[in-house]
Amino acid sequence: MDDSKITLTIGKQKNIALIAHDGKKAEIIAWCEEHKEELKKHFLCGTGTTARMITDRTGLPVRGYNSGPLGGDQQVGAKVVEGKIDLIIFFSDPLTAQPHDPDVKALLRIAQVYDIPIANNKATADFIITSDFIDKEYNHDVINFKKNISERAETL
């Protein structure tokens, strides 16, 4: 039996993080309004300003963390590690330098490590939110971190 991976289940009700750089906030708000009926079925959270603006403009309840430059991206990443975020919608601005770019890259990396779907533009977000998986349980394999740590500790 291969125990290098473990199977995790993303439930029917998703924990969705909503994040947008300043130049993309209007776009994510419009996207949330467009997909409001689907988003209502799930638990929503996001970085500070984005979460507040989405709630104010769409009425969707979005639990806010700190803003990205003040550690919000890292808070979302920590929630991914804890198994409390299943999906990330992150409308990033590729044409504007971000002072917290290392935090953004860390969030993208941790989402990849934990096999969490992440959309960083509207087209990908549209594909994800309309996927058959959005309202179903989804099993995915991730690294068996306990085994990995145990083996690494033995070799050091």
N, C-alpha and C. Protein backbone atom coordinates (compact mmCIF):
# COMPACT_ATOMS: atom_id res chain seq x y z
N MET A 1 0.84 -1.18 0.00
CA MET A 1 0.00 0.00 0.00
C MET A 1 0.88 1.25 0.00
N ASP A 2 0.61 2.17 -0.91
CA ASP A 2 1.37 3.41 -0.99
C ASP A 2 0.79 4.42 0.00
N ASP A 3 1.58 4.71 1.04
CA ASP A 3 1.08 5.66 2.04
C ASP A 3 1.77 7.02 1.92
N SER A 4 2.33 7.30 0.75
CA SER A 4 2.96 8.61 0.55
C SER A 4 1.92 9.71 0.31
N LYS A 5 0.69 9.30 0.03
CA LYS A 5 -0.41 10.25 -0.18
C LYS A 5 -1.57 9.89 0.71
N ILE A 6 -2.37 10.89 1.04
CA ILE A 6 -3.62 10.65 1.75
C ILE A 6 -4.75 11.30 0.96
N THR A 7 -5.94 10.77 1.10
CA THR A 7 -7.09 11.31 0.39
C THR A 7 -7.86 12.23 1.32
N LEU A 8 -8.09 13.46 0.86
CA LEU A 8 -8.90 14.43 1.59
C LEU A 8 -10.18 14.67 0.80
N THR A 9 -11.22 15.04 1.50
CA THR A 9 -12.50 15.31 0.85
C THR A 9 -12.88 16.76 1.02
N ILE A 10 -13.17 17.41 -0.10
CA ILE A 10 -13.75 18.75 -0.09
C ILE A 10 -15.26 18.53 -0.07
N GLY A 11 -15.94 19.08 0.92
CA GLY A 11 -17.37 18.85 1.09
C GLY A 11 -18.22 19.51 0.03
N LYS A 12 -19.52 19.22 0.08
CA LYS A 12 -20.47 19.84 -0.85
C LYS A 12 -20.50 21.35 -0.66
N GLN A 13 -20.53 21.78 0.60
CA GLN A 13 -20.48 23.22 0.87
C GLN A 13 -19.00 23.60 0.94
N LYS A 14 -18.59 24.46 0.06
CA LYS A 14 -17.18 24.84 -0.03
C LYS A 14 -16.88 26.04 0.87
N ASN A 15 -15.64 26.10 1.31
CA ASN A 15 -15.09 27.27 1.98
C ASN A 15 -14.28 28.00 0.93
N ILE A 16 -14.80 29.13 0.46
CA ILE A 16 -14.22 29.85 -0.68
C ILE A 16 -13.60 31.16 -0.22
N ALA A 17 -12.32 31.34 -0.54
CA ALA A 17 -11.63 32.61 -0.26
C ALA A 17 -11.73 33.50 -1.50
N LEU A 18 -12.09 34.75 -1.27
CA LEU A 18 -12.22 35.74 -2.34
C LEU A 18 -11.19 36.84 -2.10
N ILE A 19 -10.33 37.05 -3.08
CA ILE A 19 -9.23 38.00 -2.96
C ILE A 19 -9.11 38.75 -4.28
N ALA A 20 -8.78 40.04 -4.20
CA ALA A 20 -8.55 40.80 -5.44
C ALA A 20 -7.57 41.93 -5.16
N HIS A 21 -6.65 42.11 -6.08
CA HIS A 21 -5.79 43.29 -6.02
C HIS A 21 -6.65 44.53 -6.29
N ASP A 22 -6.16 45.70 -5.90
CA ASP A 22 -6.95 46.93 -6.02
C ASP A 22 -7.51 47.15 -7.42
N GLY A 23 -6.71 46.90 -8.45
CA GLY A 23 -7.15 47.11 -9.82
C GLY A 23 -8.18 46.10 -10.31
N LYS A 24 -8.46 45.09 -9.50
CA LYS A 24 -9.40 44.03 -9.88
C LYS A 24 -10.60 43.93 -8.95
N LYS A 25 -10.71 44.84 -7.98
CA LYS A 25 -11.81 44.76 -7.01
C LYS A 25 -13.17 44.92 -7.68
N ALA A 26 -13.32 45.86 -8.59
CA ALA A 26 -14.60 46.04 -9.29
C ALA A 26 -14.95 44.78 -10.07
N GLU A 27 -13.96 44.12 -10.65
CA GLU A 27 -14.20 42.91 -11.43
C GLU A 27 -14.66 41.75 -10.54
N ILE A 28 -14.05 41.58 -9.37
CA ILE A 28 -14.47 40.47 -8.51
C ILE A 28 -15.85 40.75 -7.91
N ILE A 29 -16.15 42.01 -7.63
CA ILE A 29 -17.49 42.35 -7.12
C ILE A 29 -18.54 42.03 -8.18
N ALA A 30 -18.28 42.41 -9.42
CA ALA A 30 -19.21 42.10 -10.51
C ALA A 30 -19.35 40.58 -10.68
N TRP A 31 -18.24 39.86 -10.56
CA TRP A 31 -18.26 38.40 -10.68
C TRP A 31 -19.10 37.78 -9.56
N CYS A 32 -18.92 38.28 -8.34
CA CYS A 32 -19.72 37.78 -7.20
C CYS A 32 -21.20 38.06 -7.41
N GLU A 33 -21.52 39.23 -7.92
CA GLU A 33 -22.93 39.56 -8.18
C GLU A 33 -23.49 38.61 -9.25
N GLU A 34 -22.71 38.34 -10.29
CA GLU A 34 -23.13 37.44 -11.37
C GLU A 34 -23.38 36.02 -10.85
N HIS A 35 -22.59 35.58 -9.88
CA HIS A 35 -22.68 34.21 -9.37
C HIS A 35 -23.22 34.16 -7.94
N LYS A 36 -23.98 35.17 -7.58
CA LYS A 36 -24.47 35.33 -6.22
C LYS A 36 -25.27 34.13 -5.73
N GLU A 37 -26.16 33.60 -6.55
CA GLU A 37 -27.00 32.48 -6.13
C GLU A 37 -26.16 31.25 -5.80
N GLU A 38 -25.13 31.00 -6.56
CA GLU A 38 -24.25 29.86 -6.26
C GLU A 38 -23.40 30.15 -5.03
N LEU A 39 -22.86 31.35 -4.94
CA LEU A 39 -22.00 31.70 -3.81
C LEU A 39 -22.74 31.66 -2.48
N LYS A 40 -24.04 31.94 -2.49
CA LYS A 40 -24.85 31.91 -1.26
C LYS A 40 -24.83 30.54 -0.59
N LYS A 41 -24.57 29.50 -1.35
CA LYS A 41 -24.59 28.13 -0.84
C LYS A 41 -23.32 27.77 -0.05
N HIS A 42 -22.32 28.63 -0.11
CA HIS A 42 -21.01 28.30 0.42
C HIS A 42 -20.58 29.30 1.49
N PHE A 43 -19.56 28.93 2.28
CA PHE A 43 -18.98 29.84 3.26
C PHE A 43 -17.93 30.67 2.55
N LEU A 44 -18.04 31.99 2.68
CA LEU A 44 -17.13 32.90 1.99
C LEU A 44 -16.25 33.64 2.98
N CYS A 45 -15.00 33.80 2.61
CA CYS A 45 -14.07 34.60 3.38
C CYS A 45 -13.18 35.33 2.39
N GLY A 46 -12.38 36.25 2.88
CA GLY A 46 -11.49 36.97 1.98
C GLY A 46 -10.61 37.95 2.72
N THR A 47 -9.72 38.54 1.97
CA THR A 47 -8.85 39.55 2.56
C THR A 47 -9.65 40.83 2.77
N GLY A 48 -9.21 41.64 3.73
CA GLY A 48 -9.93 42.76 4.31
C GLY A 48 -10.78 43.63 3.42
N THR A 49 -10.15 44.41 2.59
CA THR A 49 -10.89 45.38 1.78
C THR A 49 -11.81 44.67 0.79
N THR A 50 -11.30 43.62 0.16
CA THR A 50 -12.11 42.88 -0.81
C THR A 50 -13.35 42.29 -0.14
N ALA A 51 -13.16 41.65 1.01
CA ALA A 51 -14.30 41.06 1.72
C ALA A 51 -15.34 42.12 2.07
N ARG A 52 -14.87 43.24 2.58
CA ARG A 52 -15.79 44.32 2.98
C ARG A 52 -16.56 44.87 1.78
N MET A 53 -15.85 45.09 0.67
CA MET A 53 -16.48 45.65 -0.52
C MET A 53 -17.50 44.67 -1.12
N ILE A 54 -17.18 43.37 -1.14
CA ILE A 54 -18.12 42.39 -1.68
C ILE A 54 -19.38 42.36 -0.83
N THR A 55 -19.22 42.35 0.49
CA THR A 55 -20.39 42.34 1.38
C THR A 55 -21.22 43.60 1.19
N ASP A 56 -20.57 44.76 1.17
CA ASP A 56 -21.29 46.03 1.03
C ASP A 56 -22.04 46.13 -0.29
N ARG A 57 -21.47 45.62 -1.36
CA ARG A 57 -22.05 45.83 -2.69
C ARG A 57 -22.97 44.70 -3.16
N THR A 58 -22.80 43.49 -2.57
CA THR A 58 -23.63 42.37 -3.04
C THR A 58 -24.54 41.82 -1.95
N GLY A 59 -24.25 42.13 -0.69
CA GLY A 59 -25.02 41.57 0.41
C GLY A 59 -24.57 40.17 0.80
N LEU A 60 -23.60 39.61 0.11
CA LEU A 60 -23.08 38.29 0.46
C LEU A 60 -22.27 38.39 1.75
N PRO A 61 -22.47 37.47 2.69
CA PRO A 61 -21.66 37.51 3.91
C PRO A 61 -20.26 36.96 3.62
N VAL A 62 -19.26 37.80 3.81
CA VAL A 62 -17.86 37.39 3.57
C VAL A 62 -17.07 37.70 4.82
N ARG A 63 -16.53 36.66 5.46
CA ARG A 63 -15.71 36.86 6.65
C ARG A 63 -14.37 37.47 6.23
N GLY A 64 -14.05 38.61 6.79
CA GLY A 64 -12.84 39.31 6.40
C GLY A 64 -11.65 39.02 7.28
N TYR A 65 -10.51 38.84 6.65
CA TYR A 65 -9.23 38.76 7.34
C TYR A 65 -8.53 40.10 7.13
N ASN A 66 -7.26 40.19 7.44
CA ASN A 66 -6.52 41.43 7.20
C ASN A 66 -6.42 41.68 5.70
N SER A 67 -6.12 42.91 5.33
CA SER A 67 -5.89 43.19 3.92
C SER A 67 -4.59 42.48 3.51
N GLY A 68 -4.44 42.23 2.22
CA GLY A 68 -3.28 41.49 1.72
C GLY A 68 -1.94 42.03 2.20
N PRO A 69 -1.68 43.34 2.01
CA PRO A 69 -0.39 43.87 2.43
C PRO A 69 -0.16 43.81 3.95
N LEU A 70 -1.22 43.61 4.71
CA LEU A 70 -1.09 43.53 6.17
C LEU A 70 -1.17 42.10 6.69
N GLY A 71 -0.95 41.13 5.80
CA GLY A 71 -0.89 39.73 6.22
C GLY A 71 -2.09 38.89 5.85
N GLY A 72 -3.07 39.46 5.17
CA GLY A 72 -4.28 38.70 4.82
C GLY A 72 -4.01 37.50 3.93
N ASP A 73 -3.09 37.65 2.98
CA ASP A 73 -2.75 36.52 2.11
C ASP A 73 -2.17 35.37 2.94
N GLN A 74 -1.36 35.73 3.92
CA GLN A 74 -0.77 34.71 4.79
C GLN A 74 -1.83 34.06 5.68
N GLN A 75 -2.80 34.85 6.12
CA GLN A 75 -3.90 34.28 6.92
C GLN A 75 -4.68 33.26 6.09
N VAL A 76 -4.97 33.60 4.84
CA VAL A 76 -5.68 32.67 3.96
C VAL A 76 -4.84 31.41 3.75
N GLY A 77 -3.54 31.59 3.52
CA GLY A 77 -2.65 30.44 3.36
C GLY A 77 -2.66 29.53 4.58
N ALA A 78 -2.67 30.13 5.77
CA ALA A 78 -2.73 29.33 7.00
C ALA A 78 -4.03 28.54 7.06
N LYS A 79 -5.13 29.13 6.62
CA LYS A 79 -6.42 28.43 6.62
C LYS A 79 -6.40 27.26 5.63
N VAL A 80 -5.68 27.42 4.52
CA VAL A 80 -5.52 26.31 3.58
C VAL A 80 -4.82 25.15 4.29
N VAL A 81 -3.73 25.46 4.98
CA VAL A 81 -2.96 24.44 5.70
C VAL A 81 -3.83 23.75 6.75
N GLU A 82 -4.70 24.51 7.41
CA GLU A 82 -5.59 23.96 8.44
C GLU A 82 -6.75 23.17 7.85
N GLY A 83 -6.89 23.18 6.53
CA GLY A 83 -8.00 22.48 5.88
C GLY A 83 -9.30 23.24 5.93
N LYS A 84 -9.23 24.56 6.13
CA LYS A 84 -10.44 25.37 6.29
C LYS A 84 -10.76 26.21 5.06
N ILE A 85 -9.99 26.07 4.00
CA ILE A 85 -10.31 26.71 2.72
C ILE A 85 -10.18 25.67 1.63
N ASP A 86 -11.23 25.57 0.80
CA ASP A 86 -11.30 24.55 -0.25
C ASP A 86 -11.05 25.08 -1.64
N LEU A 87 -11.17 26.38 -1.81
CA LEU A 87 -11.14 26.99 -3.14
C LEU A 87 -10.76 28.46 -2.98
N ILE A 88 -9.92 28.94 -3.87
CA ILE A 88 -9.52 30.35 -3.83
C ILE A 88 -9.84 31.01 -5.16
N ILE A 89 -10.55 32.12 -5.08
CA ILE A 89 -10.80 32.97 -6.24
C ILE A 89 -9.98 34.23 -5.99
N PHE A 90 -8.94 34.43 -6.76
CA PHE A 90 -7.99 35.52 -6.53
C PHE A 90 -7.79 36.27 -7.85
N PHE A 91 -8.49 37.38 -8.00
CA PHE A 91 -8.32 38.18 -9.20
C PHE A 91 -7.08 39.04 -9.01
N SER A 92 -5.99 38.57 -9.56
CA SER A 92 -4.72 39.28 -9.41
C SER A 92 -4.50 40.21 -10.59
N ASP A 93 -3.72 41.24 -10.34
CA ASP A 93 -3.42 42.24 -11.36
C ASP A 93 -1.99 42.03 -11.86
N PRO A 94 -1.84 41.42 -13.04
CA PRO A 94 -0.50 41.10 -13.53
C PRO A 94 0.28 42.31 -14.05
N LEU A 95 -0.38 43.45 -14.17
CA LEU A 95 0.28 44.62 -14.74
C LEU A 95 0.71 45.66 -13.71
N THR A 96 0.45 45.37 -12.43
CA THR A 96 0.80 46.31 -11.37
C THR A 96 1.68 45.61 -10.35
N ALA A 97 2.81 46.23 -10.01
CA ALA A 97 3.68 45.68 -8.98
C ALA A 97 2.96 45.69 -7.64
N GLN A 98 3.12 44.63 -6.88
CA GLN A 98 2.46 44.51 -5.58
C GLN A 98 3.52 44.50 -4.48
N PRO A 99 3.38 45.36 -3.48
CA PRO A 99 4.39 45.40 -2.41
C PRO A 99 4.44 44.10 -1.60
N HIS A 100 3.37 43.32 -1.62
CA HIS A 100 3.32 42.07 -0.87
C HIS A 100 3.41 40.86 -1.79
N ASP A 101 4.12 41.01 -2.91
CA ASP A 101 4.26 39.94 -3.89
C ASP A 101 4.79 38.64 -3.28
N PRO A 102 5.76 38.68 -2.35
CA PRO A 102 6.20 37.41 -1.75
C PRO A 102 5.07 36.68 -1.02
N ASP A 103 4.16 37.43 -0.39
CA ASP A 103 3.02 36.81 0.29
C ASP A 103 2.08 36.15 -0.71
N VAL A 104 1.86 36.83 -1.84
CA VAL A 104 1.00 36.29 -2.90
C VAL A 104 1.59 34.99 -3.43
N LYS A 105 2.90 35.01 -3.69
CA LYS A 105 3.56 33.80 -4.20
C LYS A 105 3.49 32.67 -3.19
N ALA A 106 3.62 32.98 -1.91
CA ALA A 106 3.52 31.96 -0.87
C ALA A 106 2.11 31.35 -0.85
N LEU A 107 1.09 32.19 -1.01
CA LEU A 107 -0.29 31.70 -1.04
C LEU A 107 -0.50 30.78 -2.24
N LEU A 108 -0.03 31.18 -3.40
CA LEU A 108 -0.17 30.35 -4.59
C LEU A 108 0.55 29.01 -4.41
N ARG A 109 1.72 29.06 -3.82
CA ARG A 109 2.50 27.83 -3.59
C ARG A 109 1.77 26.90 -2.62
N ILE A 110 1.25 27.42 -1.53
CA ILE A 110 0.61 26.56 -0.53
C ILE A 110 -0.69 25.97 -1.09
N ALA A 111 -1.40 26.72 -1.94
CA ALA A 111 -2.59 26.18 -2.59
C ALA A 111 -2.19 25.01 -3.50
N GLN A 112 -1.08 25.13 -4.17
CA GLN A 112 -0.61 24.06 -5.03
C GLN A 112 -0.19 22.84 -4.20
N VAL A 113 0.53 23.06 -3.10
CA VAL A 113 0.97 21.96 -2.23
C VAL A 113 -0.22 21.17 -1.72
N TYR A 114 -1.29 21.88 -1.33
CA TYR A 114 -2.47 21.23 -0.77
C TYR A 114 -3.53 20.89 -1.81
N ASP A 115 -3.20 21.04 -3.08
CA ASP A 115 -4.09 20.67 -4.18
C ASP A 115 -5.44 21.37 -4.08
N ILE A 116 -5.39 22.68 -3.81
CA ILE A 116 -6.59 23.50 -3.68
C ILE A 116 -6.81 24.24 -5.01
N PRO A 117 -8.00 24.14 -5.59
CA PRO A 117 -8.26 24.89 -6.82
C PRO A 117 -8.10 26.39 -6.57
N ILE A 118 -7.46 27.06 -7.51
CA ILE A 118 -7.27 28.50 -7.40
C ILE A 118 -7.47 29.12 -8.77
N ALA A 119 -8.33 30.13 -8.81
CA ALA A 119 -8.58 30.87 -10.05
C ALA A 119 -7.97 32.25 -9.89
N ASN A 120 -7.13 32.65 -10.82
CA ASN A 120 -6.59 34.01 -10.71
C ASN A 120 -7.04 34.92 -11.85
N ASN A 121 -8.13 34.52 -12.50
CA ASN A 121 -8.78 35.42 -13.46
C ASN A 121 -10.24 35.00 -13.62
N LYS A 122 -11.02 35.85 -14.27
CA LYS A 122 -12.45 35.62 -14.39
C LYS A 122 -12.79 34.35 -15.15
N ALA A 123 -12.08 34.09 -16.24
CA ALA A 123 -12.39 32.90 -17.04
C ALA A 123 -12.24 31.63 -16.21
N THR A 124 -11.15 31.52 -15.46
CA THR A 124 -10.94 30.33 -14.64
C THR A 124 -11.99 30.26 -13.53
N ALA A 125 -12.30 31.39 -12.92
CA ALA A 125 -13.33 31.43 -11.88
C ALA A 125 -14.68 30.99 -12.44
N ASP A 126 -15.01 31.43 -13.66
CA ASP A 126 -16.26 31.01 -14.30
C ASP A 126 -16.29 29.49 -14.51
N PHE A 127 -15.18 28.93 -14.97
CA PHE A 127 -15.12 27.49 -15.18
C PHE A 127 -15.32 26.74 -13.87
N ILE A 128 -14.68 27.22 -12.80
CA ILE A 128 -14.77 26.53 -11.50
C ILE A 128 -16.18 26.63 -10.93
N ILE A 129 -16.75 27.83 -10.91
CA ILE A 129 -18.04 28.03 -10.24
C ILE A 129 -19.18 27.31 -10.98
N THR A 130 -18.99 27.04 -12.27
CA THR A 130 -20.01 26.33 -13.04
C THR A 130 -19.70 24.84 -13.21
N SER A 131 -18.62 24.39 -12.59
CA SER A 131 -18.23 22.99 -12.66
C SER A 131 -19.24 22.11 -11.90
N ASP A 132 -19.39 20.88 -12.33
CA ASP A 132 -20.23 19.93 -11.60
C ASP A 132 -19.72 19.70 -10.18
N PHE A 133 -18.44 19.90 -9.96
CA PHE A 133 -17.85 19.66 -8.64
C PHE A 133 -18.23 20.72 -7.61
N ILE A 134 -18.74 21.86 -8.04
CA ILE A 134 -18.99 22.95 -7.10
C ILE A 134 -20.05 22.56 -6.06
N ASP A 135 -20.97 21.68 -6.40
CA ASP A 135 -22.02 21.27 -5.47
C ASP A 135 -21.91 19.81 -5.04
N LYS A 136 -20.73 19.22 -5.25
CA LYS A 136 -20.53 17.82 -4.89
C LYS A 136 -19.29 17.69 -4.00
N GLU A 137 -19.22 16.57 -3.30
CA GLU A 137 -17.98 16.25 -2.61
C GLU A 137 -16.92 15.94 -3.66
N TYR A 138 -15.68 16.22 -3.30
CA TYR A 138 -14.56 15.97 -4.21
C TYR A 138 -13.40 15.39 -3.41
N ASN A 139 -12.95 14.23 -3.79
CA ASN A 139 -11.80 13.60 -3.15
C ASN A 139 -10.54 13.92 -3.93
N HIS A 140 -9.50 14.29 -3.21
CA HIS A 140 -8.22 14.56 -3.87
C HIS A 140 -7.09 14.07 -2.99
N ASP A 141 -6.01 13.66 -3.64
CA ASP A 141 -4.86 13.11 -2.93
C ASP A 141 -3.82 14.21 -2.70
N VAL A 142 -3.32 14.26 -1.48
CA VAL A 142 -2.25 15.20 -1.12
C VAL A 142 -1.13 14.42 -0.45
N ILE A 143 0.00 15.06 -0.34
CA ILE A 143 1.16 14.44 0.31
C ILE A 143 0.78 14.05 1.73
N ASN A 144 1.22 12.89 2.15
CA ASN A 144 1.05 12.46 3.54
C ASN A 144 2.12 13.20 4.35
N PHE A 145 1.75 14.34 4.89
CA PHE A 145 2.71 15.23 5.51
C PHE A 145 3.37 14.61 6.74
N LYS A 146 2.61 13.86 7.53
CA LYS A 146 3.20 13.22 8.72
C LYS A 146 4.28 12.23 8.31
N LYS A 147 4.00 11.43 7.29
CA LYS A 147 4.99 10.46 6.81
C LYS A 147 6.19 11.19 6.22
N ASN A 148 5.93 12.22 5.46
CA ASN A 148 7.00 13.00 4.84
C ASN A 148 7.92 13.61 5.90
N ILE A 149 7.34 14.18 6.94
CA ILE A 149 8.14 14.79 8.00
C ILE A 149 8.94 13.73 8.76
N SER A 150 8.31 12.60 9.02
CA SER A 150 8.99 11.52 9.73
C SER A 150 10.20 11.04 8.93
N GLU A 151 10.01 10.84 7.65
CA GLU A 151 11.11 10.36 6.79
C GLU A 151 12.22 11.41 6.68
N ARG A 152 11.84 12.67 6.57
CA ARG A 152 12.85 13.73 6.48
C ARG A 152 13.65 13.83 7.78
N ALA A 153 12.96 13.68 8.91
CA ALA A 153 13.63 13.78 10.21
C ALA A 153 14.67 12.65 10.37
N GLU A 154 14.36 11.47 9.81
CA GLU A 154 15.28 10.35 9.91
C GLU A 154 16.53 10.55 9.06
N THR A 155 16.41 11.33 7.99
CA THR A 155 17.56 11.50 7.08
C THR A 155 18.43 12.70 7.43
N LEU A 156 17.99 13.53 8.35
CA LEU A 156 18.78 14.72 8.69
C LEU A 156 19.70 14.48 9.87
